Amino acid sequence: MRIYSIKPIDFINHRAQMPLRAEDLLDENVFEDVWLPSGDDPETDIFHLLEQNRLSR
């Protein structure tokens, strides 16, 4: 599954800031297809990304 957006990717402090909507994360296939290996828990991974400030609310 690919996520398309009309917003461009921004670079802030030498880090890519990609536009992402909350409803994009509601689809379980996003986790399976994009960045989680099999056996991982999406909720735990999102929690860790929030802790590391790699994902904002």
PDB file of N, CA and C in Angstrom:
ATOM      1  N   MET A   1       0.842  -1.172   0.000  1.00  0.00           N
ATOM      2  CA  MET A   1       0.000   0.000   0.000  1.00  0.00           C
ATOM      3  C   MET A   1       0.888   1.236   0.000  1.00  0.00           C
ATOM      4  N   ARG A   2       0.612   2.150  -0.875  1.00  0.00           N
ATOM      5  CA  ARG A   2       1.367   3.396  -0.938  1.00  0.00           C
ATOM      6  C   ARG A   2       0.484   4.539  -0.482  1.00  0.00           C
ATOM      7  N   ILE A   3       1.095   5.473   0.210  1.00  0.00           N
ATOM      8  CA  ILE A   3       0.366   6.642   0.685  1.00  0.00           C
ATOM      9  C   ILE A   3       0.799   7.827  -0.171  1.00  0.00           C
ATOM     10  N   TYR A   4      -0.156   8.429  -0.848  1.00  0.00           N
ATOM     11  CA  TYR A   4       0.128   9.577  -1.687  1.00  0.00           C
ATOM     12  C   TYR A   4      -0.423  10.830  -1.029  1.00  0.00           C
ATOM     13  N   SER A   5       0.234  11.929  -1.256  1.00  0.00           N
ATOM     14  CA  SER A   5      -0.200  13.197  -0.697  1.00  0.00           C
ATOM     15  C   SER A   5       0.095  14.301  -1.692  1.00  0.00           C
ATOM     16  N   ILE A   6      -0.711  15.351  -1.642  1.00  0.00           N
ATOM     17  CA  ILE A   6      -0.446  16.494  -2.507  1.00  0.00           C
ATOM     18  C   ILE A   6       0.569  17.434  -1.869  1.00  0.00           C
ATOM     19  N   LYS A   7       0.885  17.228  -0.593  1.00  0.00           N
ATOM     20  CA  LYS A   7       1.873  18.064   0.084  1.00  0.00           C
ATOM     21  C   LYS A   7       3.276  17.544  -0.213  1.00  0.00           C
ATOM     22  N   PRO A   8       4.225  18.453  -0.412  1.00  0.00           N
ATOM     23  CA  PRO A   8       5.603  18.003  -0.647  1.00  0.00           C
ATOM     24  C   PRO A   8       6.280  17.578   0.652  1.00  0.00           C
ATOM     25  N   ILE A   9       7.366  16.857   0.515  1.00  0.00           N
ATOM     26  CA  ILE A   9       8.169  16.482   1.678  1.00  0.00           C
ATOM     27  C   ILE A   9       8.996  17.699   2.078  1.00  0.00           C
ATOM     28  N   ASP A  10       8.971  18.044   3.364  1.00  0.00           N
ATOM     29  CA  ASP A  10       9.750  19.167   3.883  1.00  0.00           C
ATOM     30  C   ASP A  10      10.972  18.640   4.609  1.00  0.00           C
ATOM     31  N   PHE A  11      12.011  19.433   4.622  1.00  0.00           N
ATOM     32  CA  PHE A  11      13.209  19.089   5.373  1.00  0.00           C
ATOM     33  C   PHE A  11      13.390  20.117   6.482  1.00  0.00           C
ATOM     34  N   ILE A  12      13.262  19.669   7.731  1.00  0.00           N
ATOM     35  CA  ILE A  12      13.407  20.529   8.895  1.00  0.00           C
ATOM     36  C   ILE A  12      14.532  19.958   9.741  1.00  0.00           C
ATOM     37  N   ASN A  13      15.534  20.775  10.033  1.00  0.00           N
ATOM     38  CA  ASN A  13      16.704  20.334  10.804  1.00  0.00           C
ATOM     39  C   ASN A  13      17.345  19.093  10.185  1.00  0.00           C
ATOM     40  N   HIS A  14      17.451  19.089   8.870  1.00  0.00           N
ATOM     41  CA  HIS A  14      18.081  17.989   8.120  1.00  0.00           C
ATOM     42  C   HIS A  14      17.342  16.659   8.284  1.00  0.00           C
ATOM     43  N   ARG A  15      16.051  16.717   8.633  1.00  0.00           N
ATOM     44  CA  ARG A  15      15.229  15.504   8.728  1.00  0.00           C
ATOM     45  C   ARG A  15      14.024  15.670   7.821  1.00  0.00           C
ATOM     46  N   ALA A  16      13.683  14.624   7.109  1.00  0.00           N
ATOM     47  CA  ALA A  16      12.529  14.671   6.213  1.00  0.00           C
ATOM     48  C   ALA A  16      11.245  14.640   7.028  1.00  0.00           C
ATOM     49  N   GLN A  17      10.356  15.573   6.739  1.00  0.00           N
ATOM     50  CA  GLN A  17       9.048  15.627   7.376  1.00  0.00           C
ATOM     51  C   GLN A  17       8.008  15.301   6.308  1.00  0.00           C
ATOM     52  N   MET A  18       7.464  14.094   6.359  1.00  0.00           N
ATOM     53  CA  MET A  18       6.501  13.681   5.360  1.00  0.00           C
ATOM     54  C   MET A  18       5.086  13.924   5.869  1.00  0.00           C
ATOM     55  N   PRO A  19       4.224  14.464   5.026  1.00  0.00           N
ATOM     56  CA  PRO A  19       2.844  14.683   5.448  1.00  0.00           C
ATOM     57  C   PRO A  19       2.144  13.346   5.660  1.00  0.00           C
ATOM     58  N   LEU A  20       1.442  13.226   6.768  1.00  0.00           N
ATOM     59  CA  LEU A  20       0.740  11.988   7.087  1.00  0.00           C
ATOM     60  C   LEU A  20      -0.518  12.340   7.866  1.00  0.00           C
ATOM     61  N   ARG A  21      -1.615  11.748   7.476  1.00  0.00           N
ATOM     62  CA  ARG A  21      -2.882  12.000   8.160  1.00  0.00           C
ATOM     63  C   ARG A  21      -3.134  10.875   9.156  1.00  0.00           C
ATOM     64  N   ALA A  22      -3.911  11.179  10.187  1.00  0.00           N
ATOM     65  CA  ALA A  22      -4.217  10.182  11.215  1.00  0.00           C
ATOM     66  C   ALA A  22      -4.943   8.979  10.618  1.00  0.00           C
ATOM     67  N   GLU A  23      -5.831   9.213   9.663  1.00  0.00           N
ATOM     68  CA  GLU A  23      -6.579   8.089   9.082  1.00  0.00           C
ATOM     69  C   GLU A  23      -5.679   7.153   8.277  1.00  0.00           C
ATOM     70  N   ASP A  24      -4.520   7.622   7.851  1.00  0.00           N
ATOM     71  CA  ASP A  24      -3.573   6.744   7.154  1.00  0.00           C
ATOM     72  C   ASP A  24      -3.040   5.663   8.084  1.00  0.00           C
ATOM     73  N   LEU A  25      -2.949   5.967   9.377  1.00  0.00           N
ATOM     74  CA  LEU A  25      -2.421   5.005  10.344  1.00  0.00           C
ATOM     75  C   LEU A  25      -3.474   4.031  10.857  1.00  0.00           C
ATOM     76  N   LEU A  26      -4.740   4.279  10.555  1.00  0.00           N
ATOM     77  CA  LEU A  26      -5.807   3.410  11.045  1.00  0.00           C
ATOM     78  C   LEU A  26      -5.883   2.094  10.272  1.00  0.00           C
ATOM     79  N   ASP A  27      -5.371   2.078   9.075  1.00  0.00           N
ATOM     80  CA  ASP A  27      -5.421   0.880   8.242  1.00  0.00           C
ATOM     81  C   ASP A  27      -4.310  -0.079   8.666  1.00  0.00           C
ATOM     82  N   GLU A  28      -4.673  -1.278   9.086  1.00  0.00           N
ATOM     83  CA  GLU A  28      -3.684  -2.264   9.542  1.00  0.00           C
ATOM     84  C   GLU A  28      -2.699  -2.645   8.438  1.00  0.00           C
ATOM     85  N   ASN A  29      -3.113  -2.571   7.181  1.00  0.00           N
ATOM     86  CA  ASN A  29      -2.219  -2.924   6.077  1.00  0.00           C
ATOM     87  C   ASN A  29      -1.024  -1.984   5.987  1.00  0.00           C
ATOM     88  N   VAL A  30      -1.185  -0.762   6.469  1.00  0.00           N
ATOM     89  CA  VAL A  30      -0.064   0.180   6.464  1.00  0.00           C
ATOM     90  C   VAL A  30       1.090  -0.417   7.247  1.00  0.00           C
ATOM     91  N   PHE A  31       0.794  -0.984   8.394  1.00  0.00           N
ATOM     92  CA  PHE A  31       1.837  -1.541   9.242  1.00  0.00           C
ATOM     93  C   PHE A  31       2.457  -2.785   8.615  1.00  0.00           C
ATOM     94  N   GLU A  32       1.643  -3.620   8.016  1.00  0.00           N
ATOM     95  CA  GLU A  32       2.149  -4.855   7.425  1.00  0.00           C
ATOM     96  C   GLU A  32       2.963  -4.586   6.168  1.00  0.00           C
ATOM     97  N   ASP A  33       2.510  -3.639   5.348  1.00  0.00           N
ATOM     98  CA  ASP A  33       3.142  -3.404   4.052  1.00  0.00           C
ATOM     99  C   ASP A  33       4.320  -2.447   4.110  1.00  0.00           C
ATOM    100  N   VAL A  34       4.323  -1.533   5.053  1.00  0.00           N
ATOM    101  CA  VAL A  34       5.308  -0.456   4.999  1.00  0.00           C
ATOM    102  C   VAL A  34       6.499  -0.684   5.906  1.00  0.00           C
ATOM    103  N   TRP A  35       6.307  -0.781   7.238  1.00  0.00           N
ATOM    104  CA  TRP A  35       7.485  -0.804   8.077  1.00  0.00           C
ATOM    105  C   TRP A  35       7.512  -1.793   9.207  1.00  0.00           C
ATOM    106  N   LEU A  36       6.593  -2.681   9.328  1.00  0.00           N
ATOM    107  CA  LEU A  36       6.663  -3.648  10.419  1.00  0.00           C
ATOM    108  C   LEU A  36       6.933  -5.049   9.896  1.00  0.00           C
ATOM    109  N   PRO A  37       7.933  -5.716  10.427  1.00  0.00           N
ATOM    110  CA  PRO A  37       8.113  -7.121  10.080  1.00  0.00           C
ATOM    111  C   PRO A  37       7.015  -7.965  10.728  1.00  0.00           C
ATOM    112  N   SER A  38       6.845  -9.160  10.267  1.00  0.00           N
ATOM    113  CA  SER A  38       5.786 -10.010  10.807  1.00  0.00           C
ATOM    114  C   SER A  38       6.035 -10.299  12.277  1.00  0.00           C
ATOM    115  N   GLY A  39       4.955 -10.326  13.052  1.00  0.00           N
ATOM    116  CA  GLY A  39       5.059 -10.630  14.470  1.00  0.00           C
ATOM    117  C   GLY A  39       5.128  -9.404  15.358  1.00  0.00           C
ATOM    118  N   ASP A  40       5.315  -8.212  14.797  1.00  0.00           N
ATOM    119  CA  ASP A  40       5.363  -7.005  15.612  1.00  0.00           C
ATOM    120  C   ASP A  40       3.958  -6.519  15.937  1.00  0.00           C
ATOM    121  N   ASP A  41       3.862  -5.741  17.006  1.00  0.00           N
ATOM    122  CA  ASP A  41       2.595  -5.165  17.433  1.00  0.00           C
ATOM    123  C   ASP A  41       2.574  -3.692  17.030  1.00  0.00           C
ATOM    124  N   PRO A  42       1.639  -3.271  16.179  1.00  0.00           N
ATOM    125  CA  PRO A  42       1.600  -1.883  15.717  1.00  0.00           C
ATOM    126  C   PRO A  42       1.500  -0.870  16.861  1.00  0.00           C
ATOM    127  N   GLU A  43       0.693  -1.145  17.873  1.00  0.00           N
ATOM    128  CA  GLU A  43       0.526  -0.199  18.979  1.00  0.00           C
ATOM    129  C   GLU A  43       1.832   0.002  19.741  1.00  0.00           C
ATOM    130  N   THR A  44       2.563  -1.067  19.987  1.00  0.00           N
ATOM    131  CA  THR A  44       3.843  -0.970  20.688  1.00  0.00           C
ATOM    132  C   THR A  44       4.851  -0.189  19.857  1.00  0.00           C
ATOM    133  N   ASP A  45       4.892  -0.454  18.555  1.00  0.00           N
ATOM    134  CA  ASP A  45       5.837   0.250  17.689  1.00  0.00           C
ATOM    135  C   ASP A  45       5.518   1.741  17.605  1.00  0.00           C
ATOM    136  N   ILE A  46       4.243   2.093  17.531  1.00  0.00           N
ATOM    137  CA  ILE A  46       3.866   3.507  17.511  1.00  0.00           C
ATOM    138  C   ILE A  46       4.256   4.166  18.822  1.00  0.00           C
ATOM    139  N   PHE A  47       4.057   3.483  19.941  1.00  0.00           N
ATOM    140  CA  PHE A  47       4.448   4.020  21.245  1.00  0.00           C
ATOM    141  C   PHE A  47       5.948   4.310  21.281  1.00  0.00           C
ATOM    142  N   HIS A  48       6.761   3.380  20.776  1.00  0.00           N
ATOM    143  CA  HIS A  48       8.214   3.578  20.768  1.00  0.00           C
ATOM    144  C   HIS A  48       8.622   4.727  19.833  1.00  0.00           C
ATOM    145  N   LEU A  49       7.943   4.859  18.697  1.00  0.00           N
ATOM    146  CA  LEU A  49       8.240   5.969  17.793  1.00  0.00           C
ATOM    147  C   LEU A  49       7.891   7.306  18.436  1.00  0.00           C
ATOM    148  N   LEU A  50       6.795   7.356  19.189  1.00  0.00           N
ATOM    149  CA  LEU A  50       6.432   8.581  19.906  1.00  0.00           C
ATOM    150  C   LEU A  50       7.451   8.902  20.987  1.00  0.00           C
ATOM    151  N   GLU A  51       7.911   7.889  21.708  1.00  0.00           N
ATOM    152  CA  GLU A  51       8.929   8.090  22.746  1.00  0.00           C
ATOM    153  C   GLU A  51      10.220   8.657  22.166  1.00  0.00           C
ATOM    154  N   GLN A  52      10.582   8.219  20.981  1.00  0.00           N
ATOM    155  CA  GLN A  52      11.829   8.639  20.343  1.00  0.00           C
ATOM    156  C   GLN A  52      11.672   9.949  19.565  1.00  0.00           C
ATOM    157  N   ASN A  53      10.476  10.546  19.630  1.00  0.00           N
ATOM    158  CA  ASN A  53      10.172  11.785  18.891  1.00  0.00           C
ATOM    159  C   ASN A  53      10.358  11.616  17.388  1.00  0.00           C
ATOM    160  N   ARG A  54      10.171  10.400  16.898  1.00  0.00           N
ATOM    161  CA  ARG A  54      10.251  10.143  15.458  1.00  0.00           C
ATOM    162  C   ARG A  54       8.879  10.244  14.815  1.00  0.00           C
ATOM    163  N   LEU A  55       7.838  10.324  15.647  1.00  0.00           N
ATOM    164  CA  LEU A  55       6.461  10.451  15.194  1.00  0.00           C
ATOM    165  C   LEU A  55       5.787  11.399  16.160  1.00  0.00           C
ATOM    166  N   SER A  56       5.054  12.374  15.655  1.00  0.00           N
ATOM    167  CA  SER A  56       4.399  13.333  16.549  1.00  0.00           C
ATOM    168  C   SER A  56       2.893  13.135  16.504  1.00  0.00           C
ATOM    169  N   ARG A  57       2.248  13.568  17.561  1.00  0.00           N
ATOM    170  CA  ARG A  57       0.785  13.421  17.656  1.00  0.00           C
ATOM    171  C   ARG A  57       0.085  14.519  16.927  1.00  0.00           C
TER     172      ARG A  57
END
